[in-house]
Each structure stands twice: as structure tokens, then as C-alpha cells.
């Protein structure tokens, strides 16, 4: 296993500590802060830490890394979680009400939790972009559905792959951009209606947002999901769940899945496929709201102790 890390990174330390406690060899590769290329070449974006697993695939979530390392031989991270640790903090800042509810469910006092969303400023190119839709989707001009990010089960890849089978033969094209962290069945890997792009640089994501008709973010759990804002900056309607940052307003600038299963995914994508005017309406309302702009989020941080 190989860990790409910053030298003084506390998040990286939890991974290193787990490997040390397990007495396992972990090749540590120090990445300089300005070496964005080393990260984007491997996983398509600037992110640390990156654990390259024994199978050669990268892993990006630090706690997933901890669990993966601990699963090797007899686990050592056992016993109850120490909820009392949370009592040491005057304020606990999370990025969404979804995360807020998760902490409250674990016994953390709601009064000590503040919700401050992630911030995003659209590029000039995105701000001036004007999105158009055909009057009908056809085989020569299919609906282009974009999934951009880590392709894994937590991000909803399972239900989405099943929905894609149900939509086979209909005028829709699925584009997956990002690192593959699951095995893709052969029938979908070779499906002419599906494009597997792999990791791209942060700058390279713009063309995929621009060329898409709808953005798919069917997550089972995300602290926020910044790609929602990136998609909205490009006037893309977003299909997502309630298990992430509160970005999408149902049937105003996107669509919230009633349930995260293949049937709901299929129904929602088919609704977009059959009604380009709906997508046009959602796109017209899709933009990065003021509450997610840097100035507004910065103001929120200034008042977290009030």
C-alpha cells in the first residue's frame, strides 16, 4: 500500500497511525502543497490523502482508509466510540443539516452544532454560459446524463447501474468522469450508451459540465457534495437525494429522488428524457445561490460562536 500525503496533515496522520498500530508497512509519499499534478494524474482532482490499495485502485476517504487497513488481519479498532470527545469542543461545525442530524442521532447536543455550507464561486466561463435543449431527445441527440466524482457504492453507483440497464435502448447517454472504485459489469462496461472517461483534472471537468444535460448525484451519504454547486454554476439541473448538502430545491432547480433505488432513478431520468421543457425550466433556475458564495459563507464563520 502507498499513501500520498502532506507532511503535516492531521487527516493523513489517522491513516498512518492505524498502519503503525497494525505494524503494517505503508509506503509514505510526501506530496508538496503546490504539486497539484501528482494528485490529478492519479485521481483527477486535488485531494489528500490518497491511499493506493494493494489492488492498485486509489481510495480518497480517510476513514475508509482506516477501515480498510484495520480489516487486514485481526481488527484493533474495536469497542464503543467515545462520544465524550465531542464534549471537548465549544462548537462543532458541519457543512449540512444531514451531517447535523447524524451527530444529534449520536447524542451530540444540537445547541453546540453549527451548519456552515461549503463555498463556491463560479468561473467567468460558467457565469456567461447559456444552456439550450432540443425539442426532443433522439438517437442522434440523446439526453446526456453526467456522473462526476468517485464512482463507488456510497455515491449511489449501485442503483444507478441498474437504472441504466432499464433505460437501455432509449435515447440517453451516460458519462462517468472520475476514479472507478468498484467493478463494472461487462455489459455496462461495453455498452455503447455509456462512456467511462476516468479521472480528469479540475480544469478538465468544465467541458463535461458544459456538454451535459443533467447532473446525477444519487448519494447515500455526503457531508455536502461540492459537485452540486459546480454543476449549478454551469446551469445544470441536478438529480440527487436528501442525504447531502441542502442545495437542490425539488422541481425548481433540480429533482430530489423520493427513494434511492433503481426504480426511482429510472423514473426520474425517464421524466427528463420525455420532457426537455422540464429540463429547460430547471436549468433556468439553476445557479449558485448567494448563501453558497464566499462572502456569505465567510460571514457565517464569523458568527459560529453566537
C-alpha atoms as a PDB file:
ATOM      1  CA  UNK A   1       0.000   0.000   0.000  1.00  0.00           C
ATOM      2  CA  UNK A   2       1.116   3.532  -0.733  1.00  0.00           C
ATOM      3  CA  UNK A   3      -0.094   6.733   0.949  1.00  0.00           C
ATOM      4  CA  UNK A   4       0.214  10.089  -0.798  1.00  0.00           C
ATOM      5  CA  UNK A   5       0.166  12.743   1.916  1.00  0.00           C
ATOM      6  CA  UNK A   6       1.101  16.223   3.033  1.00  0.00           C
ATOM      7  CA  UNK A   7       3.870  16.200   5.624  1.00  0.00           C
ATOM      8  CA  UNK A   8       1.910  17.921   8.411  1.00  0.00           C
ATOM      9  CA  UNK A   9      -1.611  16.698   7.632  1.00  0.00           C
ATOM     10  CA  UNK A  10      -3.725  15.651  10.642  1.00  0.00           C
ATOM     11  CA  UNK A  11      -6.141  13.705   8.426  1.00  0.00           C
ATOM     12  CA  UNK A  12      -3.216  11.803   6.914  1.00  0.00           C
ATOM     13  CA  UNK A  13      -1.971  11.050  10.432  1.00  0.00           C
ATOM     14  CA  UNK A  14      -5.026   8.958  11.315  1.00  0.00           C
ATOM     15  CA  UNK A  15      -4.206   6.662   8.379  1.00  0.00           C
ATOM     16  CA  UNK A  16      -0.517   6.472   9.285  1.00  0.00           C
ATOM     17  CA  UNK A  17      -1.342   5.806  12.936  1.00  0.00           C
ATOM     18  CA  UNK A  18      -3.665   2.918  12.046  1.00  0.00           C
ATOM     19  CA  UNK A  19      -0.981   1.313   9.883  1.00  0.00           C
ATOM     20  CA  UNK A  20       1.590   1.766  12.661  1.00  0.00           C
ATOM     21  CA  UNK A  21      -0.707   0.203  15.267  1.00  0.00           C
ATOM     22  CA  UNK A  22      -1.248  -2.741  12.923  1.00  0.00           C
ATOM     23  CA  UNK A  23       2.536  -2.982  12.402  1.00  0.00           C
ATOM     24  CA  UNK A  24       1.948  -2.866   8.655  1.00  0.00           C
ATOM     25  CA  UNK A  25       4.303  -1.424   6.071  1.00  0.00           C
ATOM     26  CA  UNK A  26       2.840   1.686   4.454  1.00  0.00           C
ATOM     27  CA  UNK A  27       4.880   3.432   1.794  1.00  0.00           C
ATOM     28  CA  UNK A  28       4.551   7.134   2.557  1.00  0.00           C
ATOM     29  CA  UNK A  29       4.967   9.583  -0.324  1.00  0.00           C
ATOM     30  CA  UNK A  30       5.237  13.248   0.660  1.00  0.00           C
ATOM     31  CA  UNK A  31       3.417  15.480  -1.833  1.00  0.00           C
ATOM     32  CA  UNK A  32       4.296  19.170  -1.920  1.00  0.00           C
ATOM     33  CA  UNK A  33       1.374  21.551  -1.459  1.00  0.00           C
ATOM     34  CA  UNK A  34       1.814  23.036  -4.934  1.00  0.00           C
ATOM     35  CA  UNK A  35       2.170  19.657  -6.681  1.00  0.00           C
ATOM     36  CA  UNK A  36      -1.405  19.500  -7.956  1.00  0.00           C
ATOM     37  CA  UNK A  37      -0.318  17.432 -10.957  1.00  0.00           C
ATOM     38  CA  UNK A  38       0.708  14.473  -8.779  1.00  0.00           C
ATOM     39  CA  UNK A  39      -2.833  14.301  -7.392  1.00  0.00           C
ATOM     40  CA  UNK A  40      -4.804  14.975 -10.565  1.00  0.00           C
ATOM     41  CA  UNK A  41      -2.816  12.437 -12.596  1.00  0.00           C
ATOM     42  CA  UNK A  42      -3.826   9.753 -10.117  1.00  0.00           C
ATOM     43  CA  UNK A  43      -7.442  10.615  -9.224  1.00  0.00           C
ATOM     44  CA  UNK A  44      -8.436  13.570 -11.405  1.00  0.00           C
ATOM     45  CA  UNK A  45      -8.566  16.230  -8.737  1.00  0.00           C
ATOM     46  CA  UNK A  46      -6.587  17.921  -5.981  1.00  0.00           C
ATOM     47  CA  UNK A  47      -7.145  15.852  -2.841  1.00  0.00           C
ATOM     48  CA  UNK A  48      -5.076  14.460   0.035  1.00  0.00           C
ATOM     49  CA  UNK A  49      -4.665  11.839   1.403  1.00  0.00           C
ATOM     50  CA  UNK A  50      -4.740   9.224  -1.355  1.00  0.00           C
ATOM     51  CA  UNK A  51      -4.274   5.578  -0.447  1.00  0.00           C
ATOM     52  CA  UNK A  52      -3.278   3.292  -3.307  1.00  0.00           C
ATOM     53  CA  UNK A  53      -4.631  -0.092  -2.231  1.00  0.00           C
ATOM     54  CA  UNK A  54      -2.982  -3.468  -2.818  1.00  0.00           C
ATOM     55  CA  UNK A  55      -5.141  -3.929  -5.936  1.00  0.00           C
ATOM     56  CA  UNK A  56      -3.820  -0.657  -7.370  1.00  0.00           C
ATOM     57  CA  UNK A  57      -7.044   1.331  -7.005  1.00  0.00           C
ATOM     58  CA  UNK A  58      -6.996   4.687  -5.174  1.00  0.00           C
ATOM     59  CA  UNK A  59      -9.067   5.435  -2.080  1.00  0.00           C
ATOM     60  CA  UNK A  60      -9.879   9.035  -1.126  1.00  0.00           C
ATOM     61  CA  UNK A  61     -11.889   8.970   2.126  1.00  0.00           C
ATOM     62  CA  UNK A  62      -9.577   8.875   5.153  1.00  0.00           C
ATOM     63  CA  UNK A  63     -11.947   6.908   7.386  1.00  0.00           C
ATOM     64  CA  UNK A  64     -12.453   4.380   4.596  1.00  0.00           C
ATOM     65  CA  UNK A  65      -8.659   4.048   4.557  1.00  0.00           C
ATOM     66  CA  UNK A  66      -8.632   3.440   8.305  1.00  0.00           C
ATOM     67  CA  UNK A  67     -11.280   0.732   7.988  1.00  0.00           C
ATOM     68  CA  UNK A  68      -9.503  -0.849   5.017  1.00  0.00           C
ATOM     69  CA  UNK A  69      -6.176  -1.053   6.842  1.00  0.00           C
ATOM     70  CA  UNK A  70      -7.820  -2.280  10.038  1.00  0.00           C
ATOM     71  CA  UNK A  71      -9.605  -5.029   8.090  1.00  0.00           C
ATOM     72  CA  UNK A  72      -6.245  -6.567   7.265  1.00  0.00           C
ATOM     73  CA  UNK A  73      -5.854  -9.431   9.800  1.00  0.00           C
ATOM     74  CA  UNK A  74      -7.468  -9.074  13.249  1.00  0.00           C
ATOM     75  CA  UNK A  75      -9.139  -5.642  13.737  1.00  0.00           C
ATOM     76  CA  UNK A  76      -7.746  -3.494  16.524  1.00  0.00           C
ATOM     77  CA  UNK A  77     -10.181  -0.580  16.382  1.00  0.00           C
ATOM     78  CA  UNK A  78     -12.900  -2.216  18.434  1.00  0.00           C
ATOM     79  CA  UNK A  79     -15.122  -1.167  21.314  1.00  0.00           C
ATOM     80  CA  UNK A  80     -17.607   1.695  21.720  1.00  0.00           C
ATOM     81  CA  UNK A  81     -16.998   5.104  20.194  1.00  0.00           C
ATOM     82  CA  UNK A  82     -16.028   7.772  22.700  1.00  0.00           C
ATOM     83  CA  UNK A  83     -18.913  10.188  22.417  1.00  0.00           C
ATOM     84  CA  UNK A  84     -17.351  12.222  25.225  1.00  0.00           C
ATOM     85  CA  UNK A  85     -14.690  13.516  22.855  1.00  0.00           C
ATOM     86  CA  UNK A  86     -17.299  15.764  21.271  1.00  0.00           C
ATOM     87  CA  UNK A  87     -17.831  17.424  24.658  1.00  0.00           C
ATOM     88  CA  UNK A  88     -14.327  18.925  24.439  1.00  0.00           C
ATOM     89  CA  UNK A  89     -15.354  21.219  21.567  1.00  0.00           C
ATOM     90  CA  UNK A  90     -17.106  24.550  22.104  1.00  0.00           C
ATOM     91  CA  UNK A  91     -18.576  24.356  18.619  1.00  0.00           C
ATOM     92  CA  UNK A  92     -18.825  21.567  16.080  1.00  0.00           C
ATOM     93  CA  UNK A  93     -19.085  22.858  12.527  1.00  0.00           C
ATOM     94  CA  UNK A  94     -20.668  20.699   9.827  1.00  0.00           C
ATOM     95  CA  UNK A  95     -21.496  21.504   6.210  1.00  0.00           C
ATOM     96  CA  UNK A  96     -25.124  20.324   6.046  1.00  0.00           C
ATOM     97  CA  UNK A  97     -28.252  19.584   8.031  1.00  0.00           C
ATOM     98  CA  UNK A  98     -27.764  15.952   7.004  1.00  0.00           C
ATOM     99  CA  UNK A  99     -24.484  15.885   8.977  1.00  0.00           C
ATOM    100  CA  UNK A 100     -26.136  17.878  11.782  1.00  0.00           C
ATOM    101  CA  UNK A 101     -28.866  15.238  12.137  1.00  0.00           C
ATOM    102  CA  UNK A 102     -26.289  12.431  12.095  1.00  0.00           C
ATOM    103  CA  UNK A 103     -24.400  13.969  15.038  1.00  0.00           C
ATOM    104  CA  UNK A 104     -27.583  14.621  17.001  1.00  0.00           C
ATOM    105  CA  UNK A 105     -28.553  10.974  16.472  1.00  0.00           C
ATOM    106  CA  UNK A 106     -25.231  10.038  18.085  1.00  0.00           C
ATOM    107  CA  UNK A 107     -26.039  12.067  21.190  1.00  0.00           C
ATOM    108  CA  UNK A 108     -24.288  15.374  20.403  1.00  0.00           C
ATOM    109  CA  UNK A 109     -26.192  18.425  21.649  1.00  0.00           C
ATOM    110  CA  UNK A 110     -27.803  20.285  18.750  1.00  0.00           C
ATOM    111  CA  UNK A 111     -27.083  23.588  20.509  1.00  0.00           C
ATOM    112  CA  UNK A 112     -23.347  23.081  20.027  1.00  0.00           C
ATOM    113  CA  UNK A 113     -23.522  22.297  16.310  1.00  0.00           C
ATOM    114  CA  UNK A 114     -23.328  24.995  13.659  1.00  0.00           C
ATOM    115  CA  UNK A 115     -24.069  24.394   9.986  1.00  0.00           C
ATOM    116  CA  UNK A 116     -21.790  26.274   7.602  1.00  0.00           C
ATOM    117  CA  UNK A 117     -22.015  25.118   3.977  1.00  0.00           C
ATOM    118  CA  UNK A 118     -19.130  24.852   1.563  1.00  0.00           C
ATOM    119  CA  UNK A 119     -18.453  27.911  -0.572  1.00  0.00           C
ATOM    120  CA  UNK A 120     -18.150  28.132  -4.337  1.00  0.00           C
ATOM    121  CA  UNK A 121     -17.553  30.924  -6.838  1.00  0.00           C
ATOM    122  CA  UNK A 122     -18.413  30.187 -10.489  1.00  0.00           C
ATOM    123  CA  UNK A 123     -15.794  30.777 -13.151  1.00  0.00           C
ATOM    124  CA  UNK A 124     -16.261  33.517 -15.726  1.00  0.00           C
ATOM    125  CA  UNK A 125     -16.864  30.897 -18.410  1.00  0.00           C
ATOM    126  CA  UNK A 126     -19.609  29.261 -16.369  1.00  0.00           C
ATOM    127  CA  UNK A 127     -21.225  32.587 -15.469  1.00  0.00           C
ATOM    128  CA  UNK A 128     -21.644  33.583 -19.109  1.00  0.00           C
ATOM    129  CA  UNK A 129     -22.700  30.140 -20.368  1.00  0.00           C
ATOM    130  CA  UNK A 130     -26.186  29.739 -21.831  1.00  0.00           C
ATOM    131  CA  UNK A 131     -27.656  26.234 -21.859  1.00  0.00           C
ATOM    132  CA  UNK A 132     -30.084  25.029 -24.540  1.00  0.00           C
ATOM    133  CA  UNK A 133     -32.088  21.836 -25.039  1.00  0.00           C
ATOM    134  CA  UNK A 134     -33.563  20.175 -28.127  1.00  0.00           C
ATOM    135  CA  UNK A 135     -37.324  19.910 -28.539  1.00  0.00           C
ATOM    136  CA  UNK A 136     -36.948  16.127 -28.234  1.00  0.00           C
ATOM    137  CA  UNK A 137     -34.141  13.706 -27.430  1.00  0.00           C
ATOM    138  CA  UNK A 138     -33.293  11.274 -30.212  1.00  0.00           C
ATOM    139  CA  UNK A 139     -30.650   8.684 -31.023  1.00  0.00           C
ATOM    140  CA  UNK A 140     -28.673  11.353 -32.860  1.00  0.00           C
ATOM    141  CA  UNK A 141     -29.103  13.814 -29.964  1.00  0.00           C
ATOM    142  CA  UNK A 142     -29.546  11.769 -26.795  1.00  0.00           C
ATOM    143  CA  UNK A 143     -30.072  13.018 -23.264  1.00  0.00           C
ATOM    144  CA  UNK A 144     -26.584  13.366 -21.775  1.00  0.00           C
ATOM    145  CA  UNK A 145     -26.537  12.377 -18.094  1.00  0.00           C
ATOM    146  CA  UNK A 146     -23.299  13.174 -16.236  1.00  0.00           C
ATOM    147  CA  UNK A 147     -21.906  11.471 -13.124  1.00  0.00           C
ATOM    148  CA  UNK A 148     -18.725  13.210 -11.943  1.00  0.00           C
ATOM    149  CA  UNK A 149     -16.796  12.143  -8.849  1.00  0.00           C
ATOM    150  CA  UNK A 150     -15.740   8.960  -7.109  1.00  0.00           C
ATOM    151  CA  UNK A 151     -17.572   6.040  -8.685  1.00  0.00           C
ATOM    152  CA  UNK A 152     -18.404   3.849  -5.691  1.00  0.00           C
ATOM    153  CA  UNK A 153     -21.339   2.363  -3.812  1.00  0.00           C
ATOM    154  CA  UNK A 154     -21.673   5.211  -1.290  1.00  0.00           C
ATOM    155  CA  UNK A 155     -22.148   7.641  -4.154  1.00  0.00           C
ATOM    156  CA  UNK A 156     -25.133   5.611  -5.411  1.00  0.00           C
ATOM    157  CA  UNK A 157     -23.451   3.741  -8.250  1.00  0.00           C
ATOM    158  CA  UNK A 158     -25.380   0.535  -7.484  1.00  0.00           C
ATOM    159  CA  UNK A 159     -28.934   1.837  -8.098  1.00  0.00           C
ATOM    160  CA  UNK A 160     -27.706   3.953 -10.997  1.00  0.00           C
ATOM    161  CA  UNK A 161     -26.131   0.995 -12.819  1.00  0.00           C
ATOM    162  CA  UNK A 162     -29.386  -0.943 -12.506  1.00  0.00           C
ATOM    163  CA  UNK A 163     -31.363   2.050 -13.780  1.00  0.00           C
ATOM    164  CA  UNK A 164     -29.050   2.242 -16.786  1.00  0.00           C
ATOM    165  CA  UNK A 165     -29.978  -1.319 -17.712  1.00  0.00           C
ATOM    166  CA  UNK A 166     -33.671  -0.389 -17.555  1.00  0.00           C
ATOM    167  CA  UNK A 167     -33.055   2.549 -19.915  1.00  0.00           C
ATOM    168  CA  UNK A 168     -31.088   0.547 -22.449  1.00  0.00           C
ATOM    169  CA  UNK A 169     -32.245   1.294 -25.977  1.00  0.00           C
ATOM    170  CA  UNK A 170     -33.732   4.678 -25.069  1.00  0.00           C
ATOM    171  CA  UNK A 171     -32.074   7.904 -26.327  1.00  0.00           C
ATOM    172  CA  UNK A 172     -29.897   8.568 -23.285  1.00  0.00           C
ATOM    173  CA  UNK A 173     -26.116   8.603 -22.894  1.00  0.00           C
ATOM    174  CA  UNK A 174     -24.394   8.187 -19.514  1.00  0.00           C
ATOM    175  CA  UNK A 175     -20.998   9.814 -18.982  1.00  0.00           C
ATOM    176  CA  UNK A 176     -18.915   8.805 -15.944  1.00  0.00           C
ATOM    177  CA  UNK A 177     -15.983  11.040 -15.015  1.00  0.00           C
ATOM    178  CA  UNK A 178     -13.804  10.112 -12.039  1.00  0.00           C
ATOM    179  CA  UNK A 179     -11.886   7.241 -10.447  1.00  0.00           C
ATOM    180  CA  UNK A 180     -13.517   3.800 -10.589  1.00  0.00           C
ATOM    181  CA  UNK A 181     -13.689   2.252  -7.121  1.00  0.00           C
ATOM    182  CA  UNK A 182     -15.987  -0.652  -7.986  1.00  0.00           C
ATOM    183  CA  UNK A 183     -16.003  -3.392 -10.590  1.00  0.00           C
ATOM    184  CA  UNK A 184     -18.216  -2.551 -13.561  1.00  0.00           C
ATOM    185  CA  UNK A 185     -20.228  -5.429 -15.078  1.00  0.00           C
ATOM    186  CA  UNK A 186     -19.108  -6.271 -18.606  1.00  0.00           C
ATOM    187  CA  UNK A 187     -22.483  -5.498 -20.194  1.00  0.00           C
ATOM    188  CA  UNK A 188     -22.262  -1.910 -18.905  1.00  0.00           C
ATOM    189  CA  UNK A 189     -18.535  -1.540 -19.429  1.00  0.00           C
ATOM    190  CA  UNK A 190     -19.016  -2.293 -23.136  1.00  0.00           C
ATOM    191  CA  UNK A 191     -22.409  -0.570 -23.531  1.00  0.00           C
ATOM    192  CA  UNK A 192     -22.306   1.981 -26.401  1.00  0.00           C
ATOM    193  CA  UNK A 193     -24.672   4.202 -24.391  1.00  0.00           C
ATOM    194  CA  UNK A 194     -22.115   4.545 -21.585  1.00  0.00           C
ATOM    195  CA  UNK A 195     -18.810   6.445 -21.628  1.00  0.00           C
ATOM    196  CA  UNK A 196     -16.212   5.701 -18.936  1.00  0.00           C
ATOM    197  CA  UNK A 197     -13.855   8.684 -19.001  1.00  0.00           C
ATOM    198  CA  UNK A 198     -11.762   8.058 -15.885  1.00  0.00           C
ATOM    199  CA  UNK A 199     -10.091  10.778 -13.774  1.00  0.00           C
ATOM    200  CA  UNK A 200      -9.612  14.228 -15.271  1.00  0.00           C
ATOM    201  CA  UNK A 201      -8.008  17.409 -13.940  1.00  0.00           C
ATOM    202  CA  UNK A 202     -10.098  20.005 -12.133  1.00  0.00           C
ATOM    203  CA  UNK A 203      -9.778  22.265 -15.181  1.00  0.00           C
ATOM    204  CA  UNK A 204     -10.873  19.405 -17.422  1.00  0.00           C
ATOM    205  CA  UNK A 205     -14.240  18.955 -15.700  1.00  0.00           C
ATOM    206  CA  UNK A 206     -15.651  22.113 -17.296  1.00  0.00           C
ATOM    207  CA  UNK A 207     -16.215  20.558 -20.700  1.00  0.00           C
ATOM    208  CA  UNK A 208     -18.220  17.695 -19.173  1.00  0.00           C
ATOM    209  CA  UNK A 209     -20.444  20.042 -17.169  1.00  0.00           C
ATOM    210  CA  UNK A 210     -20.909  22.169 -20.289  1.00  0.00           C
ATOM    211  CA  UNK A 211     -21.790  19.247 -22.569  1.00  0.00           C
ATOM    212  CA  UNK A 212     -24.214  17.509 -20.181  1.00  0.00           C
ATOM    213  CA  UNK A 213     -27.994  17.941 -19.952  1.00  0.00           C
ATOM    214  CA  UNK A 214     -28.474  16.766 -16.366  1.00  0.00           C
ATOM    215  CA  UNK A 215     -26.160  16.017 -13.435  1.00  0.00           C
ATOM    216  CA  UNK A 216     -26.543  12.793 -11.419  1.00  0.00           C
ATOM    217  CA  UNK A 217     -25.621  12.862  -7.712  1.00  0.00           C
ATOM    218  CA  UNK A 218     -27.525   9.888  -6.206  1.00  0.00           C
ATOM    219  CA  UNK A 219     -25.521   9.716  -2.982  1.00  0.00           C
ATOM    220  CA  UNK A 220     -26.337   7.554   0.019  1.00  0.00           C
ATOM    221  CA  UNK A 221     -24.402   9.927   2.283  1.00  0.00           C
ATOM    222  CA  UNK A 222     -22.279  13.043   1.746  1.00  0.00           C
ATOM    223  CA  UNK A 223     -21.305  15.757   4.179  1.00  0.00           C
ATOM    224  CA  UNK A 224     -22.167  18.242   1.453  1.00  0.00           C
ATOM    225  CA  UNK A 225     -21.317  17.369  -2.173  1.00  0.00           C
ATOM    226  CA  UNK A 226     -19.497  20.293  -3.780  1.00  0.00           C
ATOM    227  CA  UNK A 227     -20.114  18.957  -7.288  1.00  0.00           C
ATOM    228  CA  UNK A 228     -23.745  20.036  -6.884  1.00  0.00           C
ATOM    229  CA  UNK A 229     -22.588  23.656  -6.846  1.00  0.00           C
ATOM    230  CA  UNK A 230     -20.135  23.073  -9.683  1.00  0.00           C
ATOM    231  CA  UNK A 231     -22.992  21.667 -11.785  1.00  0.00           C
ATOM    232  CA  UNK A 232     -25.323  24.535 -10.884  1.00  0.00           C
ATOM    233  CA  UNK A 233     -22.638  27.032 -11.897  1.00  0.00           C
ATOM    234  CA  UNK A 234     -22.964  25.553 -15.404  1.00  0.00           C
ATOM    235  CA  UNK A 235     -26.795  25.826 -15.286  1.00  0.00           C
ATOM    236  CA  UNK A 236     -27.204  22.065 -14.945  1.00  0.00           C
ATOM    237  CA  UNK A 237     -30.289  20.587 -13.251  1.00  0.00           C
ATOM    238  CA  UNK A 238     -29.197  18.188 -10.503  1.00  0.00           C
ATOM    239  CA  UNK A 239     -30.815  14.863  -9.618  1.00  0.00           C
ATOM    240  CA  UNK A 240     -29.884  13.986  -6.046  1.00  0.00           C
ATOM    241  CA  UNK A 241     -31.089  12.735  -2.660  1.00  0.00           C
ATOM    242  CA  UNK A 242     -31.767  14.326   0.732  1.00  0.00           C
ATOM    243  CA  UNK A 243     -28.624  12.673   2.139  1.00  0.00           C
ATOM    244  CA  UNK A 244     -26.232  15.551   1.439  1.00  0.00           C
ATOM    245  CA  UNK A 245     -25.993  19.339   1.400  1.00  0.00           C
ATOM    246  CA  UNK A 246     -29.312  21.172   1.004  1.00  0.00           C
ATOM    247  CA  UNK A 247     -28.584  22.574  -2.451  1.00  0.00           C
ATOM    248  CA  UNK A 248     -31.379  21.324  -4.701  1.00  0.00           C
ATOM    249  CA  UNK A 249     -34.948  22.630  -4.454  1.00  0.00           C
ATOM    250  CA  UNK A 250     -37.176  19.876  -5.809  1.00  0.00           C
ATOM    251  CA  UNK A 251     -38.737  20.695  -9.185  1.00  0.00           C
ATOM    252  CA  UNK A 252     -37.268  24.207  -9.090  1.00  0.00           C
ATOM    253  CA  UNK A 253     -33.572  23.798  -9.933  1.00  0.00           C
ATOM    254  CA  UNK A 254     -33.349  20.009  -9.851  1.00  0.00           C
ATOM    255  CA  UNK A 255     -35.084  16.866  -8.669  1.00  0.00           C
ATOM    256  CA  UNK A 256     -34.919  15.062  -5.319  1.00  0.00           C
ATOM    257  CA  UNK A 257     -35.313  11.308  -5.500  1.00  0.00           C
ATOM    258  CA  UNK A 258     -38.190  10.093  -3.332  1.00  0.00           C
ATOM    259  CA  UNK A 259     -36.197   6.920  -2.682  1.00  0.00           C
ATOM    260  CA  UNK A 260     -32.707   5.838  -3.681  1.00  0.00           C
ATOM    261  CA  UNK A 261     -33.389   2.703  -5.678  1.00  0.00           C
ATOM    262  CA  UNK A 262     -33.211   1.668  -9.350  1.00  0.00           C
ATOM    263  CA  UNK A 263     -36.935   2.239  -9.928  1.00  0.00           C
ATOM    264  CA  UNK A 264     -36.864   5.838  -8.661  1.00  0.00           C
ATOM    265  CA  UNK A 265     -33.698   6.556 -10.644  1.00  0.00           C
ATOM    266  CA  UNK A 266     -35.201   5.125 -13.821  1.00  0.00           C
ATOM    267  CA  UNK A 267     -38.462   7.046 -13.390  1.00  0.00           C
ATOM    268  CA  UNK A 268     -36.712  10.370 -12.780  1.00  0.00           C
ATOM    269  CA  UNK A 269     -34.275  10.043 -15.688  1.00  0.00           C
ATOM    270  CA  UNK A 270     -37.100   8.935 -17.984  1.00  0.00           C
ATOM    271  CA  UNK A 271     -39.100  12.009 -16.920  1.00  0.00           C
ATOM    272  CA  UNK A 272     -36.191  14.198 -18.080  1.00  0.00           C
ATOM    273  CA  UNK A 273     -35.882  12.167 -21.253  1.00  0.00           C
ATOM    274  CA  UNK A 274     -39.532  12.686 -22.195  1.00  0.00           C
ATOM    275  CA  UNK A 275     -39.810  16.329 -21.170  1.00  0.00           C
ATOM    276  CA  UNK A 276     -36.955  18.582 -22.397  1.00  0.00           C
ATOM    277  CA  UNK A 277     -39.080  21.608 -21.442  1.00  0.00           C
ATOM    278  CA  UNK A 278     -38.839  20.492 -17.798  1.00  0.00           C
ATOM    279  CA  UNK A 279     -35.059  20.465 -18.045  1.00  0.00           C
ATOM    280  CA  UNK A 280     -35.152  23.917 -19.647  1.00  0.00           C
ATOM    281  CA  UNK A 281     -37.200  25.232 -16.716  1.00  0.00           C
ATOM    282  CA  UNK A 282     -34.920  23.637 -14.112  1.00  0.00           C
ATOM    283  CA  UNK A 283     -31.829  24.913 -15.902  1.00  0.00           C
ATOM    284  CA  UNK A 284     -33.186  28.462 -15.927  1.00  0.00           C
ATOM    285  CA  UNK A 285     -33.317  28.332 -12.112  1.00  0.00           C
ATOM    286  CA  UNK A 286     -30.023  26.514 -11.652  1.00  0.00           C
ATOM    287  CA  UNK A 287     -27.314  28.795 -10.307  1.00  0.00           C
ATOM    288  CA  UNK A 288     -25.040  29.040  -7.286  1.00  0.00           C
ATOM    289  CA  UNK A 289     -27.258  30.641  -4.633  1.00  0.00           C
ATOM    290  CA  UNK A 290     -25.958  33.610  -2.679  1.00  0.00           C
ATOM    291  CA  UNK A 291     -25.832  31.571   0.537  1.00  0.00           C
ATOM    292  CA  UNK A 292     -23.034  29.469  -1.013  1.00  0.00           C
ATOM    293  CA  UNK A 293     -20.899  32.412  -2.186  1.00  0.00           C
ATOM    294  CA  UNK A 294     -17.611  33.158  -0.415  1.00  0.00           C
ATOM    295  CA  UNK A 295     -18.743  36.406   1.200  1.00  0.00           C
ATOM    296  CA  UNK A 296     -21.871  34.861   2.705  1.00  0.00           C
ATOM    297  CA  UNK A 297     -20.144  31.702   3.927  1.00  0.00           C
ATOM    298  CA  UNK A 298     -17.296  33.792   5.385  1.00  0.00           C
ATOM    299  CA  UNK A 299     -19.860  35.812   7.314  1.00  0.00           C
ATOM    300  CA  UNK A 300     -21.332  32.579   8.702  1.00  0.00           C
ATOM    301  CA  UNK A 301     -17.914  31.559  10.006  1.00  0.00           C
ATOM    302  CA  UNK A 302     -17.557  34.886  11.823  1.00  0.00           C
ATOM    303  CA  UNK A 303     -20.678  34.133  13.856  1.00  0.00           C
ATOM    304  CA  UNK A 304     -20.328  30.457  14.765  1.00  0.00           C
ATOM    305  CA  UNK A 305     -19.955  31.283  18.474  1.00  0.00           C
ATOM    306  CA  UNK A 306     -23.097  33.391  18.681  1.00  0.00           C
END
